[in-house]
Amino acid sequence: MRVSRIHRSDSRHEFIDLTLTIALDGDFNAAYTEADNSMVVATDSMKNTVYVLASRHGILSIESFTQLLGDHFLKTYSHVNRVDIQCQEKVWARMQFGGKPHDHAFMMAGANERYTCHFMKYREMGFPFLHSGLTDLQVLKTTGSGFSGFLRDEYTTLPETNDRIFATSISATWPCSDLTSDWSAARHVIRAALLDVFANHFSKSVQHTLYEMAGAAFAACSLIDEITIAMPNQHHLPANLAPFGLQNPNEVFVPTSEPFGIISATIARDRSKENS
C-alpha cells in the first residue's frame, strides 16, 4: 500500500512518499481450517491504521514509522506473534530557482532510486530486526574502470580492457543496531561514501569497487558494522564500426540489458583492527 504525508511549517513543506508491505503472523489457523474469520485482521484495518498513525504521529523517517506500526499491531492484536514490514521511500528533491530551494515544489531525484527499510519483531523476542538501506541507485562513469587478468578457458571470448564504461544500479542494506539513531542522516552519509568511491577510484573489477565502497561506508558511519551491497553489471559494449571503415576509440557503444552478472557481497567491519 502507499501513503504520502506533508509536514507543514508555515510556507515550508516537507514531503514523504512511501510504499509499504505489511505481514502479520499468528493464530490464524481457524480462518483456513474452519472458515472462521473471527481472528482475521482485515487488510482494510491495516490500511487505515497506516493512515491514522501517519496523521497522528507524522512520518519523520521510514525507520521510525515502521517501528511505530509494528509496535501498534503487536499491542493491538494479542494473537499476532510476529509483524514484518518492508518499506520503500521515493526520493523527492526540492526544485531550485536561482540557487534557492523551493518551499513546496519537488522533483523526482532519481528515476528509480528508493530508500528502503525492513522492520520485523516477534512478540516473544525483545530485540527487533531493523535494516535500513537504498536500492536502484543508477550510476555510470565513462572511464576509470577496467577488467583484466580474469580466468580464461576455451569458452572465454571477453577481451581484457583497462578503459571501459562502468554502469550499475547500487542496492545496499545494513543492520541498525541502535533503533533510536537517526538512520535517515546515516543513509545520506553512507550514500555519499558509496558514490565517492564509485566516482573517484580506479575500478579493477566490480568486486574491487564493492569492497572499497564497504570500507568507505564504515569509515563514514560508525553506526554500522555490516553492509550488503549488490551491483549488477549494466554493459555498454563498443560498437563494431570496422565494416564501415571506421575506428571506434571507445566513443560509440551498444547498451545491453542482457545477459548481465550481479555482483554482491556482505562485508563486516573488523573492530579488532580498529582497536589494536
C-alpha atoms as a PDB file:
ATOM      1  CA  MET A   1       0.000   0.000   0.000  1.00  0.00           C
ATOM      2  CA  ARG A   2       1.031   3.612  -0.438  1.00  0.00           C
ATOM      3  CA  VAL A   3       0.886   6.662   1.813  1.00  0.00           C
ATOM      4  CA  SER A   4       2.257  10.181   1.440  1.00  0.00           C
ATOM      5  CA  ARG A   5       2.444  12.890   4.087  1.00  0.00           C
ATOM      6  CA  ILE A   6       3.019  16.640   4.106  1.00  0.00           C
ATOM      7  CA  HIS A   7       4.650  18.237   7.142  1.00  0.00           C
ATOM      8  CA  ARG A   8       3.855  21.961   7.102  1.00  0.00           C
ATOM      9  CA  SER A   9       5.865  24.644   8.846  1.00  0.00           C
ATOM     10  CA  ASP A  10       4.365  27.947   7.680  1.00  0.00           C
ATOM     11  CA  SER A  11       5.146  28.125   3.945  1.00  0.00           C
ATOM     12  CA  ARG A  12       7.913  25.484   4.161  1.00  0.00           C
ATOM     13  CA  HIS A  13       6.721  21.941   3.471  1.00  0.00           C
ATOM     14  CA  GLU A  14       8.380  18.546   3.860  1.00  0.00           C
ATOM     15  CA  PHE A  15       7.036  15.671   1.768  1.00  0.00           C
ATOM     16  CA  ILE A  16       7.459  11.912   2.119  1.00  0.00           C
ATOM     17  CA  ASP A  17       6.062   9.208  -0.176  1.00  0.00           C
ATOM     18  CA  LEU A  18       6.082   5.566   0.957  1.00  0.00           C
ATOM     19  CA  THR A  19       5.140   2.114  -0.272  1.00  0.00           C
ATOM     20  CA  LEU A  20       4.643  -0.459   2.496  1.00  0.00           C
ATOM     21  CA  THR A  21       4.184  -4.216   2.641  1.00  0.00           C
ATOM     22  CA  ILE A  22       2.843  -5.452   5.983  1.00  0.00           C
ATOM     23  CA  ALA A  23       2.630  -9.113   7.016  1.00  0.00           C
ATOM     24  CA  LEU A  24       1.206 -10.446  10.273  1.00  0.00           C
ATOM     25  CA  ASP A  25       1.950 -13.938  11.561  1.00  0.00           C
ATOM     26  CA  GLY A  26      -0.020 -15.533  14.367  1.00  0.00           C
ATOM     27  CA  ASP A  27      -3.033 -17.650  15.308  1.00  0.00           C
ATOM     28  CA  PHE A  28      -4.961 -17.549  12.036  1.00  0.00           C
ATOM     29  CA  ASN A  29      -5.412 -21.324  11.620  1.00  0.00           C
ATOM     30  CA  ALA A  30      -9.188 -21.309  12.076  1.00  0.00           C
ATOM     31  CA  ALA A  31      -9.646 -18.997   9.089  1.00  0.00           C
ATOM     32  CA  TYR A  32      -8.094 -21.680   6.882  1.00  0.00           C
ATOM     33  CA  THR A  33      -9.385 -24.862   8.516  1.00  0.00           C
ATOM     34  CA  GLU A  34     -12.796 -23.833   9.912  1.00  0.00           C
ATOM     35  CA  ALA A  35     -13.781 -20.854   7.734  1.00  0.00           C
ATOM     36  CA  ASP A  36     -13.791 -18.860  10.987  1.00  0.00           C
ATOM     37  CA  ASN A  37     -12.768 -15.261  10.298  1.00  0.00           C
ATOM     38  CA  SER A  38     -13.090 -14.022  13.884  1.00  0.00           C
ATOM     39  CA  MET A  39      -9.311 -13.633  14.297  1.00  0.00           C
ATOM     40  CA  VAL A  40      -8.569 -12.266  10.817  1.00  0.00           C
ATOM     41  CA  VAL A  41      -7.165  -8.737  10.714  1.00  0.00           C
ATOM     42  CA  ALA A  42      -8.737  -7.222   7.621  1.00  0.00           C
ATOM     43  CA  THR A  43      -6.400  -5.555   5.168  1.00  0.00           C
ATOM     44  CA  ASP A  44      -8.799  -2.604   5.344  1.00  0.00           C
ATOM     45  CA  SER A  45      -7.970  -2.277   9.058  1.00  0.00           C
ATOM     46  CA  MET A  46      -4.248  -2.484   8.337  1.00  0.00           C
ATOM     47  CA  LYS A  47      -4.531   0.130   5.583  1.00  0.00           C
ATOM     48  CA  ASN A  48      -6.460   2.548   7.764  1.00  0.00           C
ATOM     49  CA  THR A  49      -4.014   2.025  10.630  1.00  0.00           C
ATOM     50  CA  VAL A  50      -1.244   3.337   8.395  1.00  0.00           C
ATOM     51  CA  TYR A  51      -3.209   6.472   7.525  1.00  0.00           C
ATOM     52  CA  VAL A  52      -4.304   7.156  11.106  1.00  0.00           C
ATOM     53  CA  LEU A  53      -0.807   6.756  12.569  1.00  0.00           C
ATOM     54  CA  ALA A  54       0.633   8.889   9.764  1.00  0.00           C
ATOM     55  CA  SER A  55      -1.885  11.584  10.715  1.00  0.00           C
ATOM     56  CA  ARG A  56      -1.393  11.367  14.473  1.00  0.00           C
ATOM     57  CA  HIS A  57       2.364  10.936  14.643  1.00  0.00           C
ATOM     58  CA  GLY A  58       3.714  12.085  11.298  1.00  0.00           C
ATOM     59  CA  ILE A  59       6.368  10.230   9.335  1.00  0.00           C
ATOM     60  CA  LEU A  60       9.726  11.505  10.481  1.00  0.00           C
ATOM     61  CA  SER A  61      11.617   8.636   8.850  1.00  0.00           C
ATOM     62  CA  ILE A  62      10.799   5.249   7.372  1.00  0.00           C
ATOM     63  CA  GLU A  63      12.726   3.572  10.195  1.00  0.00           C
ATOM     64  CA  SER A  64      10.744   5.271  12.966  1.00  0.00           C
ATOM     65  CA  PHE A  65       7.405   4.849  11.164  1.00  0.00           C
ATOM     66  CA  THR A  66       7.813   1.113  10.550  1.00  0.00           C
ATOM     67  CA  GLN A  67       8.713   0.637  14.221  1.00  0.00           C
ATOM     68  CA  LEU A  68       5.611   2.609  15.222  1.00  0.00           C
ATOM     69  CA  LEU A  69       3.416   0.440  13.003  1.00  0.00           C
ATOM     70  CA  GLY A  70       4.995  -2.814  14.162  1.00  0.00           C
ATOM     71  CA  ASP A  71       4.583  -1.989  17.845  1.00  0.00           C
ATOM     72  CA  HIS A  72       0.967  -0.942  17.241  1.00  0.00           C
ATOM     73  CA  PHE A  73      -0.006  -4.241  15.608  1.00  0.00           C
ATOM     74  CA  LEU A  74       1.627  -6.341  18.350  1.00  0.00           C
ATOM     75  CA  LYS A  75      -0.030  -4.264  21.070  1.00  0.00           C
ATOM     76  CA  THR A  76      -3.471  -4.255  19.420  1.00  0.00           C
ATOM     77  CA  TYR A  77      -3.730  -7.911  18.399  1.00  0.00           C
ATOM     78  CA  SER A  78      -2.695 -10.358  21.108  1.00  0.00           C
ATOM     79  CA  HIS A  79      -2.870 -13.325  18.727  1.00  0.00           C
ATOM     80  CA  VAL A  80      -0.260 -11.815  16.399  1.00  0.00           C
ATOM     81  CA  ASN A  81       3.160 -13.275  17.146  1.00  0.00           C
ATOM     82  CA  ARG A  82       5.243 -11.537  14.516  1.00  0.00           C
ATOM     83  CA  VAL A  83       4.997  -8.425  12.378  1.00  0.00           C
ATOM     84  CA  ASP A  84       7.080  -7.952   9.245  1.00  0.00           C
ATOM     85  CA  ILE A  85       7.077  -4.562   7.493  1.00  0.00           C
ATOM     86  CA  GLN A  86       9.009  -3.610   4.392  1.00  0.00           C
ATOM     87  CA  CYS A  87       9.019  -0.011   3.272  1.00  0.00           C
ATOM     88  CA  GLN A  88      10.353   1.939   0.306  1.00  0.00           C
ATOM     89  CA  GLU A  89      10.544   5.721   0.093  1.00  0.00           C
ATOM     90  CA  LYS A  90      10.533   7.606  -3.198  1.00  0.00           C
ATOM     91  CA  VAL A  91      13.316  10.174  -3.311  1.00  0.00           C
ATOM     92  CA  TRP A  92      11.789  13.612  -3.906  1.00  0.00           C
ATOM     93  CA  ALA A  93      14.116  16.627  -4.031  1.00  0.00           C
ATOM     94  CA  ARG A  94      13.229  20.296  -3.871  1.00  0.00           C
ATOM     95  CA  MET A  95      13.168  22.254  -7.104  1.00  0.00           C
ATOM     96  CA  GLN A  96      15.673  25.100  -7.130  1.00  0.00           C
ATOM     97  CA  PHE A  97      15.300  28.500  -8.759  1.00  0.00           C
ATOM     98  CA  GLY A  98      18.161  30.951  -8.771  1.00  0.00           C
ATOM     99  CA  GLY A  99      20.045  28.627  -6.457  1.00  0.00           C
ATOM    100  CA  LYS A 100      17.269  28.776  -3.851  1.00  0.00           C
ATOM    101  CA  PRO A 101      15.320  25.632  -2.863  1.00  0.00           C
ATOM    102  CA  HIS A 102      11.573  25.987  -3.358  1.00  0.00           C
ATOM    103  CA  ASP A 103       9.384  25.720  -0.259  1.00  0.00           C
ATOM    104  CA  HIS A 104       6.814  23.309  -1.658  1.00  0.00           C
ATOM    105  CA  ALA A 105       7.748  22.166  -5.198  1.00  0.00           C
ATOM    106  CA  PHE A 106       9.590  18.883  -5.671  1.00  0.00           C
ATOM    107  CA  MET A 107      11.001  16.710  -8.435  1.00  0.00           C
ATOM    108  CA  MET A 108      12.000  13.066  -8.549  1.00  0.00           C
ATOM    109  CA  ALA A 109      15.659  12.921  -7.506  1.00  0.00           C
ATOM    110  CA  GLY A 110      16.398   9.713  -9.405  1.00  0.00           C
ATOM    111  CA  ALA A 111      14.457   7.690 -11.942  1.00  0.00           C
ATOM    112  CA  ASN A 112      14.414   4.513  -9.882  1.00  0.00           C
ATOM    113  CA  GLU A 113      16.191   5.137  -6.584  1.00  0.00           C
ATOM    114  CA  ARG A 114      14.309   4.281  -3.397  1.00  0.00           C
ATOM    115  CA  TYR A 115      15.243   4.427   0.270  1.00  0.00           C
ATOM    116  CA  THR A 116      14.468   1.145   2.000  1.00  0.00           C
ATOM    117  CA  CYS A 117      13.678  -0.189   5.450  1.00  0.00           C
ATOM    118  CA  HIS A 118      12.789  -3.637   6.760  1.00  0.00           C
ATOM    119  CA  PHE A 119      11.387  -3.991  10.296  1.00  0.00           C
ATOM    120  CA  MET A 120      10.469  -7.306  11.909  1.00  0.00           C
ATOM    121  CA  LYS A 121       9.555  -8.000  15.508  1.00  0.00           C
ATOM    122  CA  TYR A 122       8.474 -11.132  17.393  1.00  0.00           C
ATOM    123  CA  ARG A 123       6.236 -10.859  20.428  1.00  0.00           C
ATOM    124  CA  GLU A 124       8.409 -13.295  22.404  1.00  0.00           C
ATOM    125  CA  MET A 125      11.735 -11.714  21.432  1.00  0.00           C
ATOM    126  CA  GLY A 126      12.639  -8.404  22.999  1.00  0.00           C
ATOM    127  CA  PHE A 127      15.019  -7.111  20.313  1.00  0.00           C
ATOM    128  CA  PRO A 128      13.528  -6.431  16.888  1.00  0.00           C
ATOM    129  CA  PHE A 129      15.167  -6.699  13.484  1.00  0.00           C
ATOM    130  CA  LEU A 130      15.732  -3.418  11.610  1.00  0.00           C
ATOM    131  CA  HIS A 131      17.599  -2.945   8.344  1.00  0.00           C
ATOM    132  CA  SER A 132      17.993   0.345   6.531  1.00  0.00           C
ATOM    133  CA  GLY A 133      19.244   0.931   3.011  1.00  0.00           C
ATOM    134  CA  LEU A 134      18.716   2.130  -0.522  1.00  0.00           C
ATOM    135  CA  THR A 135      18.010   0.456  -3.850  1.00  0.00           C
ATOM    136  CA  ASP A 136      18.266   1.125  -7.592  1.00  0.00           C
ATOM    137  CA  LEU A 137      20.753   3.999  -7.331  1.00  0.00           C
ATOM    138  CA  GLN A 138      21.735   4.308 -11.005  1.00  0.00           C
ATOM    139  CA  VAL A 139      25.365   5.319 -11.574  1.00  0.00           C
ATOM    140  CA  LEU A 140      27.740   5.412 -14.546  1.00  0.00           C
ATOM    141  CA  LYS A 141      31.246   6.610 -15.272  1.00  0.00           C
ATOM    142  CA  THR A 142      32.845   6.723 -18.711  1.00  0.00           C
ATOM    143  CA  THR A 143      36.377   5.783 -17.651  1.00  0.00           C
ATOM    144  CA  GLY A 144      38.365   4.857 -14.561  1.00  0.00           C
ATOM    145  CA  SER A 145      37.342   1.214 -14.856  1.00  0.00           C
ATOM    146  CA  GLY A 146      38.900  -1.917 -16.295  1.00  0.00           C
ATOM    147  CA  PHE A 147      38.652  -5.683 -16.189  1.00  0.00           C
ATOM    148  CA  SER A 148      41.687  -7.848 -16.871  1.00  0.00           C
ATOM    149  CA  GLY A 149      43.552 -10.861 -15.524  1.00  0.00           C
ATOM    150  CA  PHE A 150      40.360 -12.891 -15.131  1.00  0.00           C
ATOM    151  CA  LEU A 151      40.243 -16.653 -15.568  1.00  0.00           C
ATOM    152  CA  ARG A 152      40.095 -17.728 -19.207  1.00  0.00           C
ATOM    153  CA  ASP A 153      39.049 -21.086 -20.630  1.00  0.00           C
ATOM    154  CA  GLU A 154      38.051 -22.485 -24.001  1.00  0.00           C
ATOM    155  CA  TYR A 155      34.698 -20.677 -23.906  1.00  0.00           C
ATOM    156  CA  THR A 156      36.003 -17.212 -22.949  1.00  0.00           C
ATOM    157  CA  THR A 157      35.668 -14.548 -25.646  1.00  0.00           C
ATOM    158  CA  LEU A 158      35.610 -11.386 -23.497  1.00  0.00           C
ATOM    159  CA  PRO A 159      38.616  -9.147 -24.250  1.00  0.00           C
ATOM    160  CA  GLU A 160      40.579  -7.588 -21.427  1.00  0.00           C
ATOM    161  CA  THR A 161      40.382  -3.832 -21.026  1.00  0.00           C
ATOM    162  CA  ASN A 162      41.770  -1.036 -18.881  1.00  0.00           C
ATOM    163  CA  ASP A 163      39.271   1.555 -20.074  1.00  0.00           C
ATOM    164  CA  ARG A 164      35.577   0.789 -20.107  1.00  0.00           C
ATOM    165  CA  ILE A 165      32.226   2.271 -19.150  1.00  0.00           C
ATOM    166  CA  PHE A 166      31.214   1.228 -15.646  1.00  0.00           C
ATOM    167  CA  ALA A 167      27.428   1.357 -15.221  1.00  0.00           C
ATOM    168  CA  THR A 168      25.425  -0.253 -12.461  1.00  0.00           C
ATOM    169  CA  SER A 169      22.498   0.109 -10.103  1.00  0.00           C
ATOM    170  CA  ILE A 170      23.597   0.147  -6.454  1.00  0.00           C
ATOM    171  CA  SER A 171      21.474  -1.530  -3.792  1.00  0.00           C
ATOM    172  CA  ALA A 172      22.730  -1.624  -0.217  1.00  0.00           C
ATOM    173  CA  THR A 173      21.355  -2.599   3.189  1.00  0.00           C
ATOM    174  CA  TRP A 174      22.790  -2.503   6.687  1.00  0.00           C
ATOM    175  CA  PRO A 175      21.576  -3.728  10.106  1.00  0.00           C
ATOM    176  CA  CYS A 176      20.530  -0.985  12.532  1.00  0.00           C
ATOM    177  CA  SER A 177      21.811  -1.991  15.951  1.00  0.00           C
ATOM    178  CA  ASP A 178      20.612   1.169  17.707  1.00  0.00           C
ATOM    179  CA  LEU A 179      16.943   1.661  16.848  1.00  0.00           C
ATOM    180  CA  THR A 180      16.863   5.217  18.189  1.00  0.00           C
ATOM    181  CA  SER A 181      19.670   6.591  15.996  1.00  0.00           C
ATOM    182  CA  ASP A 182      18.985   8.963  13.106  1.00  0.00           C
ATOM    183  CA  TRP A 183      19.060   6.438  10.278  1.00  0.00           C
ATOM    184  CA  SER A 184      17.912   8.964   7.698  1.00  0.00           C
ATOM    185  CA  ALA A 185      21.046  11.018   8.366  1.00  0.00           C
ATOM    186  CA  ALA A 186      23.142   7.839   8.396  1.00  0.00           C
ATOM    187  CA  ARG A 187      21.756   6.843   4.993  1.00  0.00           C
ATOM    188  CA  HIS A 188      22.841  10.139   3.453  1.00  0.00           C
ATOM    189  CA  VAL A 189      26.346   9.739   4.898  1.00  0.00           C
ATOM    190  CA  ILE A 190      26.651   6.140   3.668  1.00  0.00           C
ATOM    191  CA  ARG A 191      25.217   7.014   0.254  1.00  0.00           C
ATOM    192  CA  ALA A 192      27.756   9.821  -0.180  1.00  0.00           C
ATOM    193  CA  ALA A 193      30.601   7.455   0.755  1.00  0.00           C
ATOM    194  CA  LEU A 194      29.457   4.854  -1.772  1.00  0.00           C
ATOM    195  CA  LEU A 195      29.242   7.438  -4.544  1.00  0.00           C
ATOM    196  CA  ASP A 196      32.635   8.929  -3.719  1.00  0.00           C
ATOM    197  CA  VAL A 197      34.357   5.562  -4.132  1.00  0.00           C
ATOM    198  CA  PHE A 198      32.444   4.752  -7.299  1.00  0.00           C
ATOM    199  CA  ALA A 199      33.379   8.029  -8.960  1.00  0.00           C
ATOM    200  CA  ASN A 200      36.927   8.589  -7.759  1.00  0.00           C
ATOM    201  CA  HIS A 201      38.826   5.313  -7.502  1.00  0.00           C
ATOM    202  CA  PHE A 202      40.080   3.185 -10.385  1.00  0.00           C
ATOM    203  CA  SER A 203      37.990   0.047 -10.518  1.00  0.00           C
ATOM    204  CA  LYS A 204      39.811  -3.162 -11.403  1.00  0.00           C
ATOM    205  CA  SER A 205      36.507  -5.040 -11.169  1.00  0.00           C
ATOM    206  CA  VAL A 206      33.018  -4.568  -9.770  1.00  0.00           C
ATOM    207  CA  GLN A 207      34.095  -6.783  -6.858  1.00  0.00           C
ATOM    208  CA  HIS A 208      37.037  -4.466  -6.186  1.00  0.00           C
ATOM    209  CA  THR A 209      34.797  -1.406  -6.152  1.00  0.00           C
ATOM    210  CA  LEU A 210      32.177  -3.079  -3.957  1.00  0.00           C
ATOM    211  CA  TYR A 211      34.755  -3.906  -1.296  1.00  0.00           C
ATOM    212  CA  GLU A 212      36.196  -0.395  -1.335  1.00  0.00           C
ATOM    213  CA  MET A 213      32.673   1.015  -1.046  1.00  0.00           C
ATOM    214  CA  ALA A 214      32.048  -1.047   2.077  1.00  0.00           C
ATOM    215  CA  GLY A 215      35.245   0.230   3.671  1.00  0.00           C
ATOM    216  CA  ALA A 216      34.291   3.818   2.892  1.00  0.00           C
ATOM    217  CA  ALA A 217      30.828   3.289   4.393  1.00  0.00           C
ATOM    218  CA  PHE A 218      32.380   2.011   7.632  1.00  0.00           C
ATOM    219  CA  ALA A 219      34.800   4.935   7.762  1.00  0.00           C
ATOM    220  CA  ALA A 220      31.988   7.430   7.196  1.00  0.00           C
ATOM    221  CA  CYS A 221      29.393   5.944   9.570  1.00  0.00           C
ATOM    222  CA  SER A 222      30.370   4.455  12.920  1.00  0.00           C
ATOM    223  CA  LEU A 223      26.798   3.227  13.485  1.00  0.00           C
ATOM    224  CA  ILE A 224      27.118   0.269  11.115  1.00  0.00           C
ATOM    225  CA  ASP A 225      29.272  -2.854  11.385  1.00  0.00           C
ATOM    226  CA  GLU A 226      27.930  -4.709   8.329  1.00  0.00           C
ATOM    227  CA  ILE A 227      26.749  -3.813   4.861  1.00  0.00           C
ATOM    228  CA  THR A 228      25.370  -5.849   1.959  1.00  0.00           C
ATOM    229  CA  ILE A 229      25.896  -4.349  -1.492  1.00  0.00           C
ATOM    230  CA  ALA A 230      24.602  -5.632  -4.830  1.00  0.00           C
ATOM    231  CA  MET A 231      25.672  -4.158  -8.168  1.00  0.00           C
ATOM    232  CA  PRO A 232      24.534  -5.708 -11.461  1.00  0.00           C
ATOM    233  CA  ASN A 233      26.724  -5.086 -14.495  1.00  0.00           C
ATOM    234  CA  GLN A 234      24.917  -2.842 -16.965  1.00  0.00           C
ATOM    235  CA  HIS A 235      27.048  -3.310 -20.045  1.00  0.00           C
ATOM    236  CA  HIS A 236      27.861  -0.716 -22.703  1.00  0.00           C
ATOM    237  CA  LEU A 237      29.778  -2.631 -25.361  1.00  0.00           C
ATOM    238  CA  PRO A 238      31.910  -0.898 -28.020  1.00  0.00           C
ATOM    239  CA  ALA A 239      30.074  -0.838 -31.351  1.00  0.00           C
ATOM    240  CA  ASN A 240      31.847  -2.607 -34.223  1.00  0.00           C
ATOM    241  CA  LEU A 241      32.366   0.085 -36.884  1.00  0.00           C
ATOM    242  CA  ALA A 242      35.034  -1.815 -38.843  1.00  0.00           C
ATOM    243  CA  PRO A 243      32.571  -2.915 -41.571  1.00  0.00           C
ATOM    244  CA  PHE A 244      32.124   0.784 -42.357  1.00  0.00           C
ATOM    245  CA  GLY A 245      35.858   1.535 -42.463  1.00  0.00           C
ATOM    246  CA  LEU A 246      35.716   3.376 -39.153  1.00  0.00           C
ATOM    247  CA  GLN A 247      37.677   3.003 -35.948  1.00  0.00           C
ATOM    248  CA  ASN A 248      35.944   3.205 -32.581  1.00  0.00           C
ATOM    249  CA  PRO A 249      38.271   4.674 -29.938  1.00  0.00           C
ATOM    250  CA  ASN A 250      35.846   3.938 -27.096  1.00  0.00           C
ATOM    251  CA  GLU A 251      33.297   6.524 -28.200  1.00  0.00           C
ATOM    252  CA  VAL A 252      30.263   4.652 -29.569  1.00  0.00           C
ATOM    253  CA  PHE A 253      28.621   1.878 -27.542  1.00  0.00           C
ATOM    254  CA  VAL A 254      25.722  -0.543 -27.585  1.00  0.00           C
ATOM    255  CA  PRO A 255      23.851  -0.575 -24.241  1.00  0.00           C
ATOM    256  CA  THR A 256      22.715  -4.131 -23.490  1.00  0.00           C
ATOM    257  CA  SER A 257      20.114  -5.254 -20.975  1.00  0.00           C
ATOM    258  CA  GLU A 258      21.032  -8.972 -21.059  1.00  0.00           C
ATOM    259  CA  PRO A 259      22.972 -11.024 -20.251  1.00  0.00           C
ATOM    260  CA  PHE A 260      24.477  -9.476 -17.138  1.00  0.00           C
ATOM    261  CA  GLY A 261      26.081 -10.567 -13.907  1.00  0.00           C
ATOM    262  CA  ILE A 262      25.064  -9.484 -10.416  1.00  0.00           C
ATOM    263  CA  ILE A 263      27.987  -8.933  -8.080  1.00  0.00           C
ATOM    264  CA  SER A 264      27.027  -8.901  -4.394  1.00  0.00           C
ATOM    265  CA  ALA A 265      28.663  -9.427  -1.025  1.00  0.00           C
ATOM    266  CA  THR A 266      28.143  -8.857   2.673  1.00  0.00           C
ATOM    267  CA  ILE A 267      31.119  -7.150   4.312  1.00  0.00           C
ATOM    268  CA  ALA A 268      31.601  -6.872   8.086  1.00  0.00           C
ATOM    269  CA  ARG A 269      33.707  -4.349   9.955  1.00  0.00           C
ATOM    270  CA  ASP A 270      36.685  -5.768  11.867  1.00  0.00           C
ATOM    271  CA  ARG A 271      36.587  -3.818  15.130  1.00  0.00           C
ATOM    272  CA  SER A 272      39.667  -5.646  16.454  1.00  0.00           C
ATOM    273  CA  LYS A 273      41.885  -3.933  13.882  1.00  0.00           C
ATOM    274  CA  GLU A 274      40.475  -0.537  14.782  1.00  0.00           C
ATOM    275  CA  ASN A 275      41.215  -1.052  18.471  1.00  0.00           C
ATOM    276  CA  SER A 276      44.692  -2.539  18.061  1.00  0.00           C
END
